[in-house]
PDB file of N, CA and C in Angstrom:
ATOM      1  N   MET A   1       0.824  -1.190   0.000  1.00  0.00           N
ATOM      2  CA  MET A   1       0.000   0.000   0.000  1.00  0.00           C
ATOM      3  C   MET A   1       0.875   1.263   0.000  1.00  0.00           C
ATOM      4  N   VAL A   2       1.920   1.289   0.829  1.00  0.00           N
ATOM      5  CA  VAL A   2       2.800   2.449   0.885  1.00  0.00           C
ATOM      6  C   VAL A   2       3.562   2.592  -0.424  1.00  0.00           C
ATOM      7  N   LYS A   3       4.098   1.474  -0.927  1.00  0.00           N
ATOM      8  CA  LYS A   3       4.838   1.520  -2.190  1.00  0.00           C
ATOM      9  C   LYS A   3       3.940   2.053  -3.303  1.00  0.00           C
ATOM     10  N   ARG A   4       2.707   1.612  -3.347  1.00  0.00           N
ATOM     11  CA  ARG A   4       1.766   2.067  -4.385  1.00  0.00           C
ATOM     12  C   ARG A   4       1.508   3.565  -4.254  1.00  0.00           C
ATOM     13  N   SER A   5       1.327   4.060  -3.022  1.00  0.00           N
ATOM     14  CA  SER A   5       1.037   5.486  -2.853  1.00  0.00           C
ATOM     15  C   SER A   5       2.216   6.346  -3.297  1.00  0.00           C
ATOM     16  N   LEU A   6       3.435   5.840  -3.123  1.00  0.00           N
ATOM     17  CA  LEU A   6       4.619   6.592  -3.540  1.00  0.00           C
ATOM     18  C   LEU A   6       4.858   6.493  -5.037  1.00  0.00           C
ATOM     19  N   LEU A   7       4.864   5.261  -5.551  1.00  0.00           N
ATOM     20  CA  LEU A   7       5.285   5.035  -6.923  1.00  0.00           C
ATOM     21  C   LEU A   7       4.180   5.207  -7.958  1.00  0.00           C
ATOM     22  N   VAL A   8       2.953   4.919  -7.598  1.00  0.00           N
ATOM     23  CA  VAL A   8       1.858   5.014  -8.563  1.00  0.00           C
ATOM     24  C   VAL A   8       1.121   6.344  -8.418  1.00  0.00           C
ATOM     25  N   LYS A   9       0.815   6.695  -7.203  1.00  0.00           N
ATOM     26  CA  LYS A   9       0.048   7.919  -6.971  1.00  0.00           C
ATOM     27  C   LYS A   9       0.931   9.161  -6.855  1.00  0.00           C
ATOM     28  N   GLY A  10       2.238   8.972  -6.683  1.00  0.00           N
ATOM     29  CA  GLY A  10       3.161  10.102  -6.614  1.00  0.00           C
ATOM     30  C   GLY A  10       3.133  10.857  -5.301  1.00  0.00           C
ATOM     31  N   LYS A  11       2.636  10.217  -4.250  1.00  0.00           N
ATOM     32  CA  LYS A  11       2.578  10.863  -2.940  1.00  0.00           C
ATOM     33  C   LYS A  11       4.003  11.046  -2.412  1.00  0.00           C
ATOM     34  N   PRO A  12       4.370  12.244  -1.954  1.00  0.00           N
ATOM     35  CA  PRO A  12       5.725  12.449  -1.436  1.00  0.00           C
ATOM     36  C   PRO A  12       5.932  11.714  -0.112  1.00  0.00           C
ATOM     37  N   LEU A  13       7.187  11.482   0.234  1.00  0.00           N
ATOM     38  CA  LEU A  13       7.493  10.854   1.516  1.00  0.00           C
ATOM     39  C   LEU A  13       7.033  11.766   2.641  1.00  0.00           C
ATOM     40  N   GLY A  14       6.522  11.170   3.693  1.00  0.00           N
ATOM     41  CA  GLY A  14       6.024  11.946   4.825  1.00  0.00           C
ATOM     42  C   GLY A  14       7.142  12.501   5.695  1.00  0.00           C
ATOM     43  N   ARG A  15       6.821  13.516   6.428  1.00  0.00           N
ATOM     44  CA  ARG A  15       7.784  14.101   7.357  1.00  0.00           C
ATOM     45  C   ARG A  15       7.921  13.205   8.578  1.00  0.00           C
ATOM     46  N   ASN A  16       9.110  13.207   9.149  1.00  0.00           N
ATOM     47  CA  ASN A  16       9.412  12.480  10.382  1.00  0.00           C
ATOM     48  C   ASN A  16       9.226  10.978  10.275  1.00  0.00           C
ATOM     49  N   ALA A  17       9.325  10.450   9.059  1.00  0.00           N
ATOM     50  CA  ALA A  17       9.269   8.995   8.908  1.00  0.00           C
ATOM     51  C   ALA A  17      10.534   8.416   9.538  1.00  0.00           C
ATOM     52  N   PRO A  18      10.422   7.305  10.251  1.00  0.00           N
ATOM     53  CA  PRO A  18      11.606   6.750  10.907  1.00  0.00           C
ATOM     54  C   PRO A  18      12.618   6.230   9.890  1.00  0.00           C
ATOM     55  N   THR A  19      13.890   6.351  10.244  1.00  0.00           N
ATOM     56  CA  THR A  19      14.976   5.831   9.414  1.00  0.00           C
ATOM     57  C   THR A  19      15.283   4.413   9.856  1.00  0.00           C
ATOM     58  N   HIS A  20      15.349   3.505   8.912  1.00  0.00           N
ATOM     59  CA  HIS A  20      15.667   2.119   9.224  1.00  0.00           C
ATOM     60  C   HIS A  20      17.086   2.050   9.792  1.00  0.00           C
ATOM     61  N   PRO A  21      17.294   1.291  10.869  1.00  0.00           N
ATOM     62  CA  PRO A  21      18.620   1.219  11.491  1.00  0.00           C
ATOM     63  C   PRO A  21      19.746   0.811  10.530  1.00  0.00           C
ATOM     64  N   SER A  22      19.439   0.037   9.505  1.00  0.00           N
ATOM     65  CA  SER A  22      20.487  -0.425   8.597  1.00  0.00           C
ATOM     66  C   SER A  22      21.038   0.691   7.713  1.00  0.00           C
ATOM     67  N   VAL A  23      20.348   1.809   7.611  1.00  0.00           N
ATOM     68  CA  VAL A  23      20.824   2.914   6.769  1.00  0.00           C
ATOM     69  C   VAL A  23      21.080   4.192   7.572  1.00  0.00           C
ATOM     70  N   ARG A  24      20.964   4.111   8.868  1.00  0.00           N
ATOM     71  CA  ARG A  24      21.195   5.273   9.727  1.00  0.00           C
ATOM     72  C   ARG A  24      22.697   5.539   9.831  1.00  0.00           C
ATOM     73  N   ILE A  25      23.081   6.783   9.664  1.00  0.00           N
ATOM     74  CA  ILE A  25      24.480   7.191   9.787  1.00  0.00           C
ATOM     75  C   ILE A  25      24.584   8.070  11.023  1.00  0.00           C
ATOM     76  N   GLU A  26      25.418   7.650  11.960  1.00  0.00           N
ATOM     77  CA  GLU A  26      25.508   8.379  13.218  1.00  0.00           C
ATOM     78  C   GLU A  26      26.890   8.966  13.478  1.00  0.00           C
ATOM     79  N   ASP A  27      27.865   8.624  12.631  1.00  0.00           N
ATOM     80  CA  ASP A  27      29.192   9.200  12.831  1.00  0.00           C
ATOM     81  C   ASP A  27      29.308  10.515  12.069  1.00  0.00           C
ATOM     82  N   LYS A  28      30.350  11.273  12.356  1.00  0.00           N
ATOM     83  CA  LYS A  28      30.570  12.547  11.679  1.00  0.00           C
ATOM     84  C   LYS A  28      31.075  12.285  10.268  1.00  0.00           C
ATOM     85  N   ARG A  29      30.627  13.103   9.318  1.00  0.00           N
ATOM     86  CA  ARG A  29      31.024  12.976   7.925  1.00  0.00           C
ATOM     87  C   ARG A  29      31.522  14.324   7.419  1.00  0.00           C
ATOM     88  N   ASP A  30      32.400  14.270   6.424  1.00  0.00           N
ATOM     89  CA  ASP A  30      32.881  15.470   5.755  1.00  0.00           C
ATOM     90  C   ASP A  30      31.854  15.855   4.688  1.00  0.00           C
ATOM     91  N   PHE A  31      31.231  17.016   4.847  1.00  0.00           N
ATOM     92  CA  PHE A  31      30.144  17.430   3.967  1.00  0.00           C
ATOM     93  C   PHE A  31      30.572  17.473   2.507  1.00  0.00           C
ATOM     94  N   GLU A  32      31.721  18.070   2.220  1.00  0.00           N
ATOM     95  CA  GLU A  32      32.159  18.201   0.823  1.00  0.00           C
ATOM     96  C   GLU A  32      32.393  16.831   0.184  1.00  0.00           C
ATOM     97  N   HIS A  33      32.970  15.922   0.928  1.00  0.00           N
ATOM     98  CA  HIS A  33      33.193  14.568   0.419  1.00  0.00           C
ATOM     99  C   HIS A  33      31.862  13.873   0.144  1.00  0.00           C
ATOM    100  N   GLU A  34      30.917  13.969   1.070  1.00  0.00           N
ATOM    101  CA  GLU A  34      29.606  13.344   0.902  1.00  0.00           C
ATOM    102  C   GLU A  34      28.852  13.961  -0.277  1.00  0.00           C
ATOM    103  N   ARG A  35      28.962  15.278  -0.434  1.00  0.00           N
ATOM    104  CA  ARG A  35      28.300  15.938  -1.557  1.00  0.00           C
ATOM    105  C   ARG A  35      28.895  15.461  -2.882  1.00  0.00           C
ATOM    106  N   ALA A  36      30.225  15.320  -2.927  1.00  0.00           N
ATOM    107  CA  ALA A  36      30.881  14.844  -4.155  1.00  0.00           C
ATOM    108  C   ALA A  36      30.434  13.412  -4.474  1.00  0.00           C
ATOM    109  N   GLN A  37      30.323  12.566  -3.442  1.00  0.00           N
ATOM    110  CA  GLN A  37      29.861  11.188  -3.658  1.00  0.00           C
ATOM    111  C   GLN A  37      28.423  11.167  -4.167  1.00  0.00           C
ATOM    112  N   LEU A  38      27.574  12.021  -3.611  1.00  0.00           N
ATOM    113  CA  LEU A  38      26.178  12.083  -4.058  1.00  0.00           C
ATOM    114  C   LEU A  38      26.100  12.553  -5.509  1.00  0.00           C
ATOM    115  N   THR A  39      26.868  13.575  -5.841  1.00  0.00           N
ATOM    116  CA  THR A  39      26.882  14.075  -7.213  1.00  0.00           C
ATOM    117  C   THR A  39      27.327  12.979  -8.182  1.00  0.00           C
ATOM    118  N   GLU A  40      28.352  12.241  -7.809  1.00  0.00           N
ATOM    119  CA  GLU A  40      28.836  11.137  -8.646  1.00  0.00           C
ATOM    120  C   GLU A  40      27.761  10.058  -8.800  1.00  0.00           C
ATOM    121  N   ALA A  41      27.085   9.730  -7.709  1.00  0.00           N
ATOM    122  CA  ALA A  41      26.028   8.715  -7.768  1.00  0.00           C
ATOM    123  C   ALA A  41      24.873   9.171  -8.655  1.00  0.00           C
ATOM    124  N   ILE A  42      24.497  10.442  -8.559  1.00  0.00           N
ATOM    125  CA  ILE A  42      23.422  10.972  -9.401  1.00  0.00           C
ATOM    126  C   ILE A  42      23.819  10.894 -10.870  1.00  0.00           C
ATOM    127  N   ASN A  43      25.048  11.268 -11.173  1.00  0.00           N
ATOM    128  CA  ASN A  43      25.521  11.209 -12.564  1.00  0.00           C
ATOM    129  C   ASN A  43      25.540   9.777 -13.093  1.00  0.00           C
ATOM    130  N   ARG A  44      26.014   8.828 -12.277  1.00  0.00           N
ATOM    131  CA  ARG A  44      26.015   7.411 -12.680  1.00  0.00           C
ATOM    132  C   ARG A  44      24.595   6.937 -12.933  1.00  0.00           C
ATOM    133  N   PHE A  45      23.695   7.321 -12.073  1.00  0.00           N
ATOM    134  CA  PHE A  45      22.306   6.908 -12.177  1.00  0.00           C
ATOM    135  C   PHE A  45      21.663   7.514 -13.419  1.00  0.00           C
ATOM    136  N   ALA A  46      21.973   8.784 -13.691  1.00  0.00           N
ATOM    137  CA  ALA A  46      21.406   9.451 -14.867  1.00  0.00           C
ATOM    138  C   ALA A  46      21.868   8.772 -16.144  1.00  0.00           C
ATOM    139  N   VAL A  47      23.107   8.348 -16.192  1.00  0.00           N
ATOM    140  CA  VAL A  47      23.634   7.669 -17.381  1.00  0.00           C
ATOM    141  C   VAL A  47      23.045   6.270 -17.509  1.00  0.00           C
ATOM    142  N   GLY A  48      22.978   5.534 -16.389  1.00  0.00           N
ATOM    143  CA  GLY A  48      22.507   4.145 -16.415  1.00  0.00           C
ATOM    144  C   GLY A  48      21.002   3.999 -16.486  1.00  0.00           C
ATOM    145  N   GLY A  49      20.256   5.006 -15.998  1.00  0.00           N
ATOM    146  CA  GLY A  49      18.798   4.933 -15.984  1.00  0.00           C
ATOM    147  C   GLY A  49      18.300   3.745 -15.166  1.00  0.00           C
ATOM    148  N   PRO A  50      17.056   3.362 -15.346  1.00  0.00           N
ATOM    149  CA  PRO A  50      16.499   2.250 -14.582  1.00  0.00           C
ATOM    150  C   PRO A  50      17.308   0.958 -14.707  1.00  0.00           C
ATOM    151  N   ALA A  51      17.929   0.749 -15.870  1.00  0.00           N
ATOM    152  CA  ALA A  51      18.719  -0.481 -16.057  1.00  0.00           C
ATOM    153  C   ALA A  51      19.927  -0.524 -15.125  1.00  0.00           C
ATOM    154  N   GLY A  52      20.382   0.641 -14.671  1.00  0.00           N
ATOM    155  CA  GLY A  52      21.519   0.697 -13.762  1.00  0.00           C
ATOM    156  C   GLY A  52      21.131   0.590 -12.293  1.00  0.00           C
ATOM    157  N   ALA A  53      19.837   0.499 -12.023  1.00  0.00           N
ATOM    158  CA  ALA A  53      19.359   0.411 -10.639  1.00  0.00           C
ATOM    159  C   ALA A  53      19.646  -0.969 -10.055  1.00  0.00           C
ATOM    160  N   THR A  54      19.740  -1.008  -8.754  1.00  0.00           N
ATOM    161  CA  THR A  54      19.989  -2.276  -8.061  1.00  0.00           C
ATOM    162  C   THR A  54      18.833  -3.254  -8.256  1.00  0.00           C
ATOM    163  N   ARG A  55      19.113  -4.502  -8.073  1.00  0.00           N
ATOM    164  CA  ARG A  55      18.073  -5.519  -8.118  1.00  0.00           C
ATOM    165  C   ARG A  55      17.879  -6.168  -6.743  1.00  0.00           C
ATOM    166  N   HIS A  56      18.581  -5.597  -5.747  1.00  0.00           N
ATOM    167  CA  HIS A  56      18.443  -6.102  -4.379  1.00  0.00           C
ATOM    168  C   HIS A  56      17.083  -5.696  -3.822  1.00  0.00           C
ATOM    169  N   PRO A  57      16.503  -6.526  -2.992  1.00  0.00           N
ATOM    170  CA  PRO A  57      15.220  -6.161  -2.381  1.00  0.00           C
ATOM    171  C   PRO A  57      15.380  -4.944  -1.464  1.00  0.00           C
ATOM    172  N   HIS A  58      14.369  -4.126  -1.404  1.00  0.00           N
ATOM    173  CA  HIS A  58      14.332  -2.991  -0.488  1.00  0.00           C
ATOM    174  C   HIS A  58      14.006  -3.551   0.900  1.00  0.00           C
ATOM    175  N   PHE A  59      14.590  -2.965   1.945  1.00  0.00           N
ATOM    176  CA  PHE A  59      14.381  -3.507   3.292  1.00  0.00           C
ATOM    177  C   PHE A  59      12.933  -3.409   3.753  1.00  0.00           C
ATOM    178  N   PHE A  60      12.147  -2.490   3.199  1.00  0.00           N
ATOM    179  CA  PHE A  60      10.751  -2.323   3.602  1.00  0.00           C
ATOM    180  C   PHE A  60       9.789  -2.793   2.520  1.00  0.00           C
ATOM    181  N   PHE A  61      10.067  -2.421   1.254  1.00  0.00           N
ATOM    182  CA  PHE A  61       9.161  -2.728   0.152  1.00  0.00           C
ATOM    183  C   PHE A  61       9.371  -4.112  -0.444  1.00  0.00           C
ATOM    184  N   GLY A  62      10.498  -4.739  -0.156  1.00  0.00           N
ATOM    185  CA  GLY A  62      10.781  -6.052  -0.732  1.00  0.00           C
ATOM    186  C   GLY A  62      11.260  -5.932  -2.164  1.00  0.00           C
ATOM    187  N   ALA A  63      10.901  -6.925  -2.990  1.00  0.00           N
ATOM    188  CA  ALA A  63      11.350  -6.952  -4.382  1.00  0.00           C
ATOM    189  C   ALA A  63      10.809  -5.734  -5.136  1.00  0.00           C
ATOM    190  N   MET A  64      11.695  -5.099  -5.898  1.00  0.00           N
ATOM    191  CA  MET A  64      11.314  -3.945  -6.709  1.00  0.00           C
ATOM    192  C   MET A  64      11.952  -4.080  -8.080  1.00  0.00           C
ATOM    193  N   THR A  65      11.233  -3.664  -9.098  1.00  0.00           N
ATOM    194  CA  THR A  65      11.771  -3.681 -10.450  1.00  0.00           C
ATOM    195  C   THR A  65      12.765  -2.522 -10.596  1.00  0.00           C
ATOM    196  N   PRO A  66      13.634  -2.568 -11.611  1.00  0.00           N
ATOM    197  CA  PRO A  66      14.522  -1.427 -11.843  1.00  0.00           C
ATOM    198  C   PRO A  66      13.761  -0.109 -12.023  1.00  0.00           C
ATOM    199  N   ALA A  67      12.621  -0.145 -12.684  1.00  0.00           N
ATOM    200  CA  ALA A  67      11.827   1.081 -12.856  1.00  0.00           C
ATOM    201  C   ALA A  67      11.305   1.588 -11.510  1.00  0.00           C
ATOM    202  N   GLU A  68      10.892   0.674 -10.629  1.00  0.00           N
ATOM    203  CA  GLU A  68      10.434   1.080  -9.295  1.00  0.00           C
ATOM    204  C   GLU A  68      11.584   1.656  -8.484  1.00  0.00           C
ATOM    205  N   TRP A  69      12.758   1.011  -8.557  1.00  0.00           N
ATOM    206  CA  TRP A  69      13.944   1.536  -7.862  1.00  0.00           C
ATOM    207  C   TRP A  69      14.277   2.926  -8.382  1.00  0.00           C
ATOM    208  N   SER A  70      14.201   3.105  -9.684  1.00  0.00           N
ATOM    209  CA  SER A  70      14.500   4.392 -10.295  1.00  0.00           C
ATOM    210  C   SER A  70      13.564   5.475  -9.756  1.00  0.00           C
ATOM    211  N   ALA A  71      12.276   5.194  -9.760  1.00  0.00           N
ATOM    212  CA  ALA A  71      11.287   6.155  -9.272  1.00  0.00           C
ATOM    213  C   ALA A  71      11.477   6.420  -7.788  1.00  0.00           C
ATOM    214  N   PHE A  72      11.713   5.373  -7.004  1.00  0.00           N
ATOM    215  CA  PHE A  72      11.865   5.554  -5.567  1.00  0.00           C
ATOM    216  C   PHE A  72      13.125   6.342  -5.235  1.00  0.00           C
ATOM    217  N   THR A  73      14.195   6.110  -5.979  1.00  0.00           N
ATOM    218  CA  THR A  73      15.434   6.852  -5.751  1.00  0.00           C
ATOM    219  C   THR A  73      15.193   8.346  -5.962  1.00  0.00           C
ATOM    220  N   TYR A  74      14.475   8.680  -7.021  1.00  0.00           N
ATOM    221  CA  TYR A  74      14.139  10.084  -7.270  1.00  0.00           C
ATOM    222  C   TYR A  74      13.304  10.653  -6.119  1.00  0.00           C
ATOM    223  N   ILE A  75      12.268   9.927  -5.711  1.00  0.00           N
ATOM    224  CA  ILE A  75      11.372  10.391  -4.644  1.00  0.00           C
ATOM    225  C   ILE A  75      12.146  10.589  -3.349  1.00  0.00           C
ATOM    226  N   HIS A  76      13.020   9.643  -3.033  1.00  0.00           N
ATOM    227  CA  HIS A  76      13.776   9.704  -1.785  1.00  0.00           C
ATOM    228  C   HIS A  76      14.768  10.871  -1.795  1.00  0.00           C
ATOM    229  N   LEU A  77      15.501  11.030  -2.905  1.00  0.00           N
ATOM    230  CA  LEU A  77      16.447  12.139  -2.997  1.00  0.00           C
ATOM    231  C   LEU A  77      15.715  13.472  -2.949  1.00  0.00           C
ATOM    232  N   ASP A  78      14.599  13.584  -3.668  1.00  0.00           N
ATOM    233  CA  ASP A  78      13.802  14.810  -3.639  1.00  0.00           C
ATOM    234  C   ASP A  78      13.349  15.134  -2.225  1.00  0.00           C
ATOM    235  N   HIS A  79      12.961  14.116  -1.478  1.00  0.00           N
ATOM    236  CA  HIS A  79      12.522  14.291  -0.087  1.00  0.00           C
ATOM    237  C   HIS A  79      13.626  14.947   0.734  1.00  0.00           C
ATOM    238  N   HIS A  80      14.850  14.429   0.616  1.00  0.00           N
ATOM    239  CA  HIS A  80      15.942  14.977   1.422  1.00  0.00           C
ATOM    240  C   HIS A  80      16.395  16.345   0.927  1.00  0.00           C
ATOM    241  N   LEU A  81      16.385  16.586  -0.361  1.00  0.00           N
ATOM    242  CA  LEU A  81      16.743  17.905  -0.854  1.00  0.00           C
ATOM    243  C   LEU A  81      15.740  18.955  -0.383  1.00  0.00           C
ATOM    244  N   ARG A  82      14.462  18.605  -0.402  1.00  0.00           N
ATOM    245  CA  ARG A  82      13.438  19.532   0.112  1.00  0.00           C
ATOM    246  C   ARG A  82      13.591  19.734   1.622  1.00  0.00           C
ATOM    247  N   GLN A  83      13.934  18.652   2.321  1.00  0.00           N
ATOM    248  CA  GLN A  83      14.110  18.691   3.770  1.00  0.00           C
ATOM    249  C   GLN A  83      15.158  19.729   4.156  1.00  0.00           C
ATOM    250  N   PHE A  84      16.199  19.839   3.341  1.00  0.00           N
ATOM    251  CA  PHE A  84      17.280  20.784   3.653  1.00  0.00           C
ATOM    252  C   PHE A  84      17.229  22.041   2.821  1.00  0.00           C
ATOM    253  N   GLY A  85      16.102  22.280   2.137  1.00  0.00           N
ATOM    254  CA  GLY A  85      15.897  23.518   1.414  1.00  0.00           C
ATOM    255  C   GLY A  85      16.803  23.690   0.195  1.00  0.00           C
ATOM    256  N   VAL A  86      17.131  22.575  -0.450  1.00  0.00           N
ATOM    257  CA  VAL A  86      18.001  22.639  -1.626  1.00  0.00           C
ATOM    258  C   VAL A  86      17.151  22.709  -2.877  1.00  0.00           C
TER     259      VAL A  86
END
């Protein structure tokens, strides 16, 4: 139901949604380095498109097609960019 509301209906991610412990980062990071890594990942993704998306199951949604991964990656990144006013 949640996957459908995000990927089919285009509903944005909600505020204050909990972060899964497996992806939580709690140590200090160098902002410029992290930004460079994100930029590189976005460029790789833009070149590869859905075919370049992972085929690993999502920890919450389970199995996802490359097109679903592609859409979810966009939704998730957009959520965080909006969160920080970018």
